[in-house]
Amino acid sequence: MELPINSCAANARFLKAAVMAGFYPSVLRIQNPPPTYVKVEGGTVEAEASPAAIKFFDRTRGRAFMHPTSVNFSVGKFESSWLVYTQVR
């Protein structure tokens, strides 16, 4: 029986852990705001939060802010509680 080159390639948790370890300490903790809901014809759905309501925290610098030119600037919700970065301004 032949094993694949990378037996963990399909494991998303392993991949996320490897990326976080590789970028450490350039890691932000994300604090999404509490969910709000809007009425729709069939009931309610979760509304996307305002990007300004999302808070980012760096372990050593404290609160961090997303630069307006970042591709993530207008994101209303992050599925993960962690984000890696490569530049600080």
PDB file of N, CA and C in Angstrom:
ATOM      1  N   MET A   1       0.839  -1.185   0.000  1.00  0.00           N
ATOM      2  CA  MET A   1       0.000   0.000   0.000  1.00  0.00           C
ATOM      3  C   MET A   1       0.883   1.247   0.000  1.00  0.00           C
ATOM      4  N   GLU A   2       0.613   2.141  -0.913  1.00  0.00           N
ATOM      5  CA  GLU A   2       1.420   3.352  -1.044  1.00  0.00           C
ATOM      6  C   GLU A   2       0.721   4.509  -0.317  1.00  0.00           C
ATOM      7  N   LEU A   3       1.465   5.216   0.532  1.00  0.00           N
ATOM      8  CA  LEU A   3       0.922   6.359   1.267  1.00  0.00           C
ATOM      9  C   LEU A   3       1.035   7.622   0.424  1.00  0.00           C
ATOM     10  N   PRO A   4       0.090   8.554   0.600  1.00  0.00           N
ATOM     11  CA  PRO A   4       0.205   9.827  -0.119  1.00  0.00           C
ATOM     12  C   PRO A   4       1.429  10.600   0.361  1.00  0.00           C
ATOM     13  N   ILE A   5       1.881  11.519  -0.452  1.00  0.00           N
ATOM     14  CA  ILE A   5       3.067  12.315  -0.104  1.00  0.00           C
ATOM     15  C   ILE A   5       2.856  13.050   1.209  1.00  0.00           C
ATOM     16  N   ASN A   6       1.671  13.625   1.397  1.00  0.00           N
ATOM     17  CA  ASN A   6       1.360  14.332   2.625  1.00  0.00           C
ATOM     18  C   ASN A   6       0.049  13.788   3.163  1.00  0.00           C
ATOM     19  N   SER A   7       0.124  12.963   4.170  1.00  0.00           N
ATOM     20  CA  SER A   7      -1.065  12.316   4.711  1.00  0.00           C
ATOM     21  C   SER A   7      -2.001  13.297   5.422  1.00  0.00           C
ATOM     22  N   CYS A   8      -1.547  14.500   5.727  1.00  0.00           N
ATOM     23  CA  CYS A   8      -2.386  15.495   6.406  1.00  0.00           C
ATOM     24  C   CYS A   8      -2.936  16.553   5.452  1.00  0.00           C
ATOM     25  N   ALA A   9      -2.755  16.377   4.161  1.00  0.00           N
ATOM     26  CA  ALA A   9      -3.161  17.390   3.181  1.00  0.00           C
ATOM     27  C   ALA A   9      -4.655  17.685   3.216  1.00  0.00           C
ATOM     28  N   ALA A  10      -5.468  16.727   3.564  1.00  0.00           N
ATOM     29  CA  ALA A  10      -6.919  16.923   3.585  1.00  0.00           C
ATOM     30  C   ALA A  10      -7.431  17.359   4.954  1.00  0.00           C
ATOM     31  N   ASN A  11      -6.558  17.517   5.922  1.00  0.00           N
ATOM     32  CA  ASN A  11      -6.954  17.879   7.281  1.00  0.00           C
ATOM     33  C   ASN A  11      -6.866  19.401   7.446  1.00  0.00           C
ATOM     34  N   ALA A  12      -8.013  20.084   7.393  1.00  0.00           N
ATOM     35  CA  ALA A  12      -8.040  21.550   7.469  1.00  0.00           C
ATOM     36  C   ALA A  12      -7.504  22.068   8.801  1.00  0.00           C
ATOM     37  N   ARG A  13      -7.780  21.381   9.899  1.00  0.00           N
ATOM     38  CA  ARG A  13      -7.288  21.829  11.208  1.00  0.00           C
ATOM     39  C   ARG A  13      -5.765  21.782  11.267  1.00  0.00           C
ATOM     40  N   PHE A  14      -5.191  20.743  10.687  1.00  0.00           N
ATOM     41  CA  PHE A  14      -3.731  20.621  10.651  1.00  0.00           C
ATOM     42  C   PHE A  14      -3.127  21.740   9.810  1.00  0.00           C
ATOM     43  N   LEU A  15      -3.722  22.013   8.660  1.00  0.00           N
ATOM     44  CA  LEU A  15      -3.231  23.070   7.774  1.00  0.00           C
ATOM     45  C   LEU A  15      -3.300  24.436   8.455  1.00  0.00           C
ATOM     46  N   LYS A  16      -4.418  24.729   9.120  1.00  0.00           N
ATOM     47  CA  LYS A  16      -4.552  26.003   9.843  1.00  0.00           C
ATOM     48  C   LYS A  16      -3.493  26.121  10.939  1.00  0.00           C
ATOM     49  N   ALA A  17      -3.267  25.037  11.666  1.00  0.00           N
ATOM     50  CA  ALA A  17      -2.266  25.053  12.736  1.00  0.00           C
ATOM     51  C   ALA A  17      -0.866  25.289  12.174  1.00  0.00           C
ATOM     52  N   ALA A  18      -0.572  24.696  11.031  1.00  0.00           N
ATOM     53  CA  ALA A  18       0.747  24.881  10.415  1.00  0.00           C
ATOM     54  C   ALA A  18       0.944  26.329   9.960  1.00  0.00           C
ATOM     55  N   VAL A  19      -0.092  26.929   9.368  1.00  0.00           N
ATOM     56  CA  VAL A  19       0.001  28.329   8.931  1.00  0.00           C
ATOM     57  C   VAL A  19       0.182  29.244  10.133  1.00  0.00           C
ATOM     58  N   MET A  20      -0.600  29.025  11.186  1.00  0.00           N
ATOM     59  CA  MET A  20      -0.481  29.859  12.388  1.00  0.00           C
ATOM     60  C   MET A  20       0.912  29.735  13.007  1.00  0.00           C
ATOM     61  N   ALA A  21       1.435  28.526  13.072  1.00  0.00           N
ATOM     62  CA  ALA A  21       2.768  28.321  13.640  1.00  0.00           C
ATOM     63  C   ALA A  21       3.834  28.992  12.784  1.00  0.00           C
ATOM     64  N   GLY A  22       3.658  28.957  11.472  1.00  0.00           N
ATOM     65  CA  GLY A  22       4.640  29.563  10.570  1.00  0.00           C
ATOM     66  C   GLY A  22       4.661  31.084  10.632  1.00  0.00           C
ATOM     67  N   PHE A  23       3.520  31.681  10.905  1.00  0.00           N
ATOM     68  CA  PHE A  23       3.448  33.142  10.958  1.00  0.00           C
ATOM     69  C   PHE A  23       3.598  33.700  12.376  1.00  0.00           C
ATOM     70  N   TYR A  24       3.591  32.824  13.387  1.00  0.00           N
ATOM     71  CA  TYR A  24       3.717  33.301  14.761  1.00  0.00           C
ATOM     72  C   TYR A  24       4.989  34.118  14.921  1.00  0.00           C
ATOM     73  N   PRO A  25       4.974  35.268  15.566  1.00  0.00           N
ATOM     74  CA  PRO A  25       3.934  35.860  16.393  1.00  0.00           C
ATOM     75  C   PRO A  25       3.028  36.857  15.652  1.00  0.00           C
ATOM     76  N   SER A  26       3.018  36.843  14.340  1.00  0.00           N
ATOM     77  CA  SER A  26       2.185  37.779  13.573  1.00  0.00           C
ATOM     78  C   SER A  26       0.752  37.252  13.465  1.00  0.00           C
ATOM     79  N   VAL A  27       0.126  37.140  14.631  1.00  0.00           N
ATOM     80  CA  VAL A  27      -1.208  36.556  14.720  1.00  0.00           C
ATOM     81  C   VAL A  27      -2.124  37.513  15.477  1.00  0.00           C
ATOM     82  N   LEU A  28      -3.324  37.714  14.950  1.00  0.00           N
ATOM     83  CA  LEU A  28      -4.326  38.546  15.613  1.00  0.00           C
ATOM     84  C   LEU A  28      -5.471  37.677  16.099  1.00  0.00           C
ATOM     85  N   ARG A  29      -6.003  38.006  17.273  1.00  0.00           N
ATOM     86  CA  ARG A  29      -7.226  37.368  17.755  1.00  0.00           C
ATOM     87  C   ARG A  29      -8.385  38.236  17.296  1.00  0.00           C
ATOM     88  N   ILE A  30      -9.400  37.625  16.727  1.00  0.00           N
ATOM     89  CA  ILE A  30     -10.556  38.359  16.205  1.00  0.00           C
ATOM     90  C   ILE A  30     -11.705  38.254  17.187  1.00  0.00           C
ATOM     91  N   GLN A  31     -12.329  39.390  17.460  1.00  0.00           N
ATOM     92  CA  GLN A  31     -13.522  39.414  18.287  1.00  0.00           C
ATOM     93  C   GLN A  31     -14.677  39.909  17.422  1.00  0.00           C
ATOM     94  N   ASN A  32     -15.489  38.973  16.936  1.00  0.00           N
ATOM     95  CA  ASN A  32     -16.665  39.342  16.160  1.00  0.00           C
ATOM     96  C   ASN A  32     -17.729  39.886  17.107  1.00  0.00           C
ATOM     97  N   PRO A  33     -18.539  40.848  16.664  1.00  0.00           N
ATOM     98  CA  PRO A  33     -19.610  41.357  17.521  1.00  0.00           C
ATOM     99  C   PRO A  33     -20.694  40.301  17.707  1.00  0.00           C
ATOM    100  N   PRO A  34     -21.534  40.451  18.728  1.00  0.00           N
ATOM    101  CA  PRO A  34     -22.630  39.496  18.901  1.00  0.00           C
ATOM    102  C   PRO A  34     -23.528  39.489  17.656  1.00  0.00           C
ATOM    103  N   PRO A  35     -24.075  38.349  17.308  1.00  0.00           N
ATOM    104  CA  PRO A  35     -24.902  38.289  16.093  1.00  0.00           C
ATOM    105  C   PRO A  35     -26.204  39.076  16.240  1.00  0.00           C
ATOM    106  N   THR A  36     -26.632  39.645  15.141  1.00  0.00           N
ATOM    107  CA  THR A  36     -27.948  40.284  15.066  1.00  0.00           C
ATOM    108  C   THR A  36     -28.713  39.581  13.953  1.00  0.00           C
ATOM    109  N   TYR A  37     -30.018  39.670  14.002  1.00  0.00           N
ATOM    110  CA  TYR A  37     -30.841  38.941  13.048  1.00  0.00           C
ATOM    111  C   TYR A  37     -31.824  39.881  12.368  1.00  0.00           C
ATOM    112  N   VAL A  38     -32.149  39.555  11.131  1.00  0.00           N
ATOM    113  CA  VAL A  38     -33.130  40.330  10.371  1.00  0.00           C
ATOM    114  C   VAL A  38     -34.260  39.393   9.956  1.00  0.00           C
ATOM    115  N   LYS A  39     -35.450  39.960   9.889  1.00  0.00           N
ATOM    116  CA  LYS A  39     -36.609  39.175   9.480  1.00  0.00           C
ATOM    117  C   LYS A  39     -36.617  38.999   7.972  1.00  0.00           C
ATOM    118  N   VAL A  40     -36.934  37.803   7.558  1.00  0.00           N
ATOM    119  CA  VAL A  40     -37.143  37.492   6.149  1.00  0.00           C
ATOM    120  C   VAL A  40     -38.466  36.737   6.058  1.00  0.00           C
ATOM    121  N   GLU A  41     -38.887  36.483   4.865  1.00  0.00           N
ATOM    122  CA  GLU A  41     -40.191  35.850   4.678  1.00  0.00           C
ATOM    123  C   GLU A  41     -40.326  34.511   5.407  1.00  0.00           C
ATOM    124  N   GLY A  42     -39.274  33.740   5.450  1.00  0.00           N
ATOM    125  CA  GLY A  42     -39.335  32.419   6.071  1.00  0.00           C
ATOM    126  C   GLY A  42     -38.910  32.384   7.529  1.00  0.00           C
ATOM    127  N   GLY A  43     -38.651  33.516   8.153  1.00  0.00           N
ATOM    128  CA  GLY A  43     -38.205  33.557   9.547  1.00  0.00           C
ATOM    129  C   GLY A  43     -37.161  34.636   9.753  1.00  0.00           C
ATOM    130  N   THR A  44     -35.987  34.252  10.249  1.00  0.00           N
ATOM    131  CA  THR A  44     -34.909  35.206  10.470  1.00  0.00           C
ATOM    132  C   THR A  44     -33.594  34.612   9.969  1.00  0.00           C
ATOM    133  N   VAL A  45     -32.683  35.500   9.617  1.00  0.00           N
ATOM    134  CA  VAL A  45     -31.325  35.101   9.235  1.00  0.00           C
ATOM    135  C   VAL A  45     -30.341  36.022   9.939  1.00  0.00           C
ATOM    136  N   GLU A  46     -29.140  35.525  10.135  1.00  0.00           N
ATOM    137  CA  GLU A  46     -28.115  36.337  10.777  1.00  0.00           C
ATOM    138  C   GLU A  46     -27.648  37.421   9.816  1.00  0.00           C
ATOM    139  N   ALA A  47     -27.624  38.660  10.299  1.00  0.00           N
ATOM    140  CA  ALA A  47     -27.169  39.793   9.489  1.00  0.00           C
ATOM    141  C   ALA A  47     -25.654  39.891   9.578  1.00  0.00           C
ATOM    142  N   GLU A  48     -25.018  40.276   8.486  1.00  0.00           N
ATOM    143  CA  GLU A  48     -23.572  40.463   8.497  1.00  0.00           C
ATOM    144  C   GLU A  48     -23.253  41.742   9.271  1.00  0.00           C
ATOM    145  N   ALA A  49     -22.300  41.654  10.161  1.00  0.00           N
ATOM    146  CA  ALA A  49     -21.923  42.789  10.998  1.00  0.00           C
ATOM    147  C   ALA A  49     -21.188  43.844  10.185  1.00  0.00           C
ATOM    148  N   SER A  50     -21.174  45.042  10.713  1.00  0.00           N
ATOM    149  CA  SER A  50     -20.385  46.112  10.113  1.00  0.00           C
ATOM    150  C   SER A  50     -18.909  45.801  10.340  1.00  0.00           C
ATOM    151  N   PRO A  51     -18.082  45.954   9.319  1.00  0.00           N
ATOM    152  CA  PRO A  51     -16.643  45.705   9.517  1.00  0.00           C
ATOM    153  C   PRO A  51     -16.044  46.539  10.647  1.00  0.00           C
ATOM    154  N   ALA A  52     -16.591  47.721  10.903  1.00  0.00           N
ATOM    155  CA  ALA A  52     -16.073  48.574  11.974  1.00  0.00           C
ATOM    156  C   ALA A  52     -16.340  47.982  13.353  1.00  0.00           C
ATOM    157  N   ALA A  53     -17.294  47.051  13.469  1.00  0.00           N
ATOM    158  CA  ALA A  53     -17.637  46.465  14.760  1.00  0.00           C
ATOM    159  C   ALA A  53     -16.708  45.312  15.145  1.00  0.00           C
ATOM    160  N   ILE A  54     -15.911  44.833  14.211  1.00  0.00           N
ATOM    161  CA  ILE A  54     -14.998  43.729  14.481  1.00  0.00           C
ATOM    162  C   ILE A  54     -13.733  44.281  15.136  1.00  0.00           C
ATOM    163  N   LYS A  55     -13.276  43.611  16.195  1.00  0.00           N
ATOM    164  CA  LYS A  55     -12.077  44.060  16.910  1.00  0.00           C
ATOM    165  C   LYS A  55     -10.968  43.035  16.730  1.00  0.00           C
ATOM    166  N   PHE A  56      -9.748  43.551  16.598  1.00  0.00           N
ATOM    167  CA  PHE A  56      -8.553  42.725  16.421  1.00  0.00           C
ATOM    168  C   PHE A  56      -7.585  43.007  17.569  1.00  0.00           C
ATOM    169  N   PHE A  57      -6.953  41.951  18.076  1.00  0.00           N
ATOM    170  CA  PHE A  57      -6.027  42.107  19.196  1.00  0.00           C
ATOM    171  C   PHE A  57      -4.731  41.362  18.911  1.00  0.00           C
ATOM    172  N   ASP A  58      -3.628  42.071  19.145  1.00  0.00           N
ATOM    173  CA  ASP A  58      -2.287  41.506  19.005  1.00  0.00           C
ATOM    174  C   ASP A  58      -1.776  41.200  20.408  1.00  0.00           C
ATOM    175  N   ARG A  59      -1.052  40.104  20.548  1.00  0.00           N
ATOM    176  CA  ARG A  59      -0.590  39.684  21.874  1.00  0.00           C
ATOM    177  C   ARG A  59       0.284  40.727  22.563  1.00  0.00           C
ATOM    178  N   THR A  60       1.153  41.406  21.822  1.00  0.00           N
ATOM    179  CA  THR A  60       2.067  42.367  22.445  1.00  0.00           C
ATOM    180  C   THR A  60       1.627  43.820  22.285  1.00  0.00           C
ATOM    181  N   ARG A  61       0.954  44.151  21.197  1.00  0.00           N
ATOM    182  CA  ARG A  61       0.571  45.543  20.932  1.00  0.00           C
ATOM    183  C   ARG A  61      -0.828  45.898  21.413  1.00  0.00           C
ATOM    184  N   GLY A  62      -1.624  44.915  21.756  1.00  0.00           N
ATOM    185  CA  GLY A  62      -3.003  45.174  22.188  1.00  0.00           C
ATOM    186  C   GLY A  62      -3.931  45.305  20.985  1.00  0.00           C
ATOM    187  N   ARG A  63      -4.821  46.270  21.045  1.00  0.00           N
ATOM    188  CA  ARG A  63      -5.817  46.452  19.980  1.00  0.00           C
ATOM    189  C   ARG A  63      -5.135  46.850  18.680  1.00  0.00           C
ATOM    190  N   ALA A  64      -5.569  46.237  17.594  1.00  0.00           N
ATOM    191  CA  ALA A  64      -5.027  46.527  16.263  1.00  0.00           C
ATOM    192  C   ALA A  64      -6.183  46.917  15.346  1.00  0.00           C
ATOM    193  N   PHE A  65      -5.858  47.627  14.278  1.00  0.00           N
ATOM    194  CA  PHE A  65      -6.879  48.085  13.337  1.00  0.00           C
ATOM    195  C   PHE A  65      -6.489  47.674  11.922  1.00  0.00           C
ATOM    196  N   MET A  66      -7.493  47.354  11.131  1.00  0.00           N
ATOM    197  CA  MET A  66      -7.289  46.943   9.751  1.00  0.00           C
ATOM    198  C   MET A  66      -7.045  48.183   8.890  1.00  0.00           C
ATOM    199  N   HIS A  67      -6.018  48.143   8.060  1.00  0.00           N
ATOM    200  CA  HIS A  67      -5.728  49.264   7.165  1.00  0.00           C
ATOM    201  C   HIS A  67      -6.765  49.298   6.040  1.00  0.00           C
ATOM    202  N   PRO A  68      -7.213  50.489   5.639  1.00  0.00           N
ATOM    203  CA  PRO A  68      -8.237  50.593   4.586  1.00  0.00           C
ATOM    204  C   PRO A  68      -7.853  49.949   3.253  1.00  0.00           C
ATOM    205  N   THR A  69      -6.563  49.766   2.974  1.00  0.00           N
ATOM    206  CA  THR A  69      -6.165  49.141   1.710  1.00  0.00           C
ATOM    207  C   THR A  69      -6.087  47.615   1.810  1.00  0.00           C
ATOM    208  N   SER A  70      -6.340  47.061   2.995  1.00  0.00           N
ATOM    209  CA  SER A  70      -6.296  45.612   3.168  1.00  0.00           C
ATOM    210  C   SER A  70      -7.460  44.950   2.433  1.00  0.00           C
ATOM    211  N   VAL A  71      -7.219  43.770   1.894  1.00  0.00           N
ATOM    212  CA  VAL A  71      -8.299  43.022   1.233  1.00  0.00           C
ATOM    213  C   VAL A  71      -9.356  42.588   2.243  1.00  0.00           C
ATOM    214  N   ASN A  72      -9.023  42.575   3.526  1.00  0.00           N
ATOM    215  CA  ASN A  72      -9.962  42.170   4.572  1.00  0.00           C
ATOM    216  C   ASN A  72     -10.711  43.337   5.207  1.00  0.00           C
ATOM    217  N   PHE A  73     -10.459  44.557   4.738  1.00  0.00           N
ATOM    218  CA  PHE A  73     -11.024  45.747   5.379  1.00  0.00           C
ATOM    219  C   PHE A  73     -12.549  45.735   5.402  1.00  0.00           C
ATOM    220  N   SER A  74     -13.186  45.265   4.354  1.00  0.00           N
ATOM    221  CA  SER A  74     -14.652  45.326   4.281  1.00  0.00           C
ATOM    222  C   SER A  74     -15.341  44.013   4.652  1.00  0.00           C
ATOM    223  N   VAL A  75     -14.598  43.072   5.229  1.00  0.00           N
ATOM    224  CA  VAL A  75     -15.190  41.797   5.631  1.00  0.00           C
ATOM    225  C   VAL A  75     -16.066  42.031   6.861  1.00  0.00           C
ATOM    226  N   GLY A  76     -17.288  41.520   6.826  1.00  0.00           N
ATOM    227  CA  GLY A  76     -18.228  41.719   7.925  1.00  0.00           C
ATOM    228  C   GLY A  76     -18.181  40.652   8.992  1.00  0.00           C
ATOM    229  N   LYS A  77     -17.583  39.485   8.698  1.00  0.00           N
ATOM    230  CA  LYS A  77     -17.477  38.424   9.698  1.00  0.00           C
ATOM    231  C   LYS A  77     -16.367  37.470   9.284  1.00  0.00           C
ATOM    232  N   PHE A  78     -15.549  37.107  10.240  1.00  0.00           N
ATOM    233  CA  PHE A  78     -14.493  36.133  10.013  1.00  0.00           C
ATOM    234  C   PHE A  78     -14.927  34.810  10.639  1.00  0.00           C
ATOM    235  N   GLU A  79     -14.830  33.733   9.877  1.00  0.00           N
ATOM    236  CA  GLU A  79     -15.240  32.420  10.380  1.00  0.00           C
ATOM    237  C   GLU A  79     -14.282  31.902  11.447  1.00  0.00           C
ATOM    238  N   SER A  80     -13.016  32.260  11.332  1.00  0.00           N
ATOM    239  CA  SER A  80     -12.019  31.839  12.306  1.00  0.00           C
ATOM    240  C   SER A  80     -11.848  32.940  13.356  1.00  0.00           C
ATOM    241  N   SER A  81     -11.370  32.568  14.511  1.00  0.00           N
ATOM    242  CA  SER A  81     -11.088  33.546  15.574  1.00  0.00           C
ATOM    243  C   SER A  81      -9.668  34.078  15.490  1.00  0.00           C
ATOM    244  N   TRP A  82      -8.922  33.693  14.450  1.00  0.00           N
ATOM    245  CA  TRP A  82      -7.520  34.072  14.311  1.00  0.00           C
ATOM    246  C   TRP A  82      -7.234  34.541  12.904  1.00  0.00           C
ATOM    247  N   LEU A  83      -6.297  35.472  12.787  1.00  0.00           N
ATOM    248  CA  LEU A  83      -5.895  36.011  11.491  1.00  0.00           C
ATOM    249  C   LEU A  83      -4.389  36.243  11.532  1.00  0.00           C
ATOM    250  N   VAL A  84      -3.686  35.883  10.466  1.00  0.00           N
ATOM    251  CA  VAL A  84      -2.250  36.151  10.395  1.00  0.00           C
ATOM    252  C   VAL A  84      -2.015  37.369   9.522  1.00  0.00           C
ATOM    253  N   TYR A  85      -0.923  38.079   9.767  1.00  0.00           N
ATOM    254  CA  TYR A  85      -0.601  39.256   8.980  1.00  0.00           C
ATOM    255  C   TYR A  85       0.886  39.257   8.649  1.00  0.00           C
ATOM    256  N   THR A  86       1.226  40.039   7.638  1.00  0.00           N
ATOM    257  CA  THR A  86       2.628  40.114   7.228  1.00  0.00           C
ATOM    258  C   THR A  86       3.211  41.505   7.367  1.00  0.00           C
ATOM    259  N   GLN A  87       2.357  42.508   7.570  1.00  0.00           N
ATOM    260  CA  GLN A  87       2.849  43.885   7.644  1.00  0.00           C
ATOM    261  C   GLN A  87       2.107  44.660   8.729  1.00  0.00           C
ATOM    262  N   VAL A  88       2.843  45.513   9.429  1.00  0.00           N
ATOM    263  CA  VAL A  88       2.255  46.413  10.413  1.00  0.00           C
ATOM    264  C   VAL A  88       2.655  47.812  10.029  1.00  0.00           C
ATOM    265  N   ARG A  89       1.687  48.711   9.987  1.00  0.00           N
ATOM    266  CA  ARG A  89       1.973  50.111   9.658  1.00  0.00           C
ATOM    267  C   ARG A  89       1.734  50.995  10.846  1.00  0.00           C
TER     268      ARG A  89
END
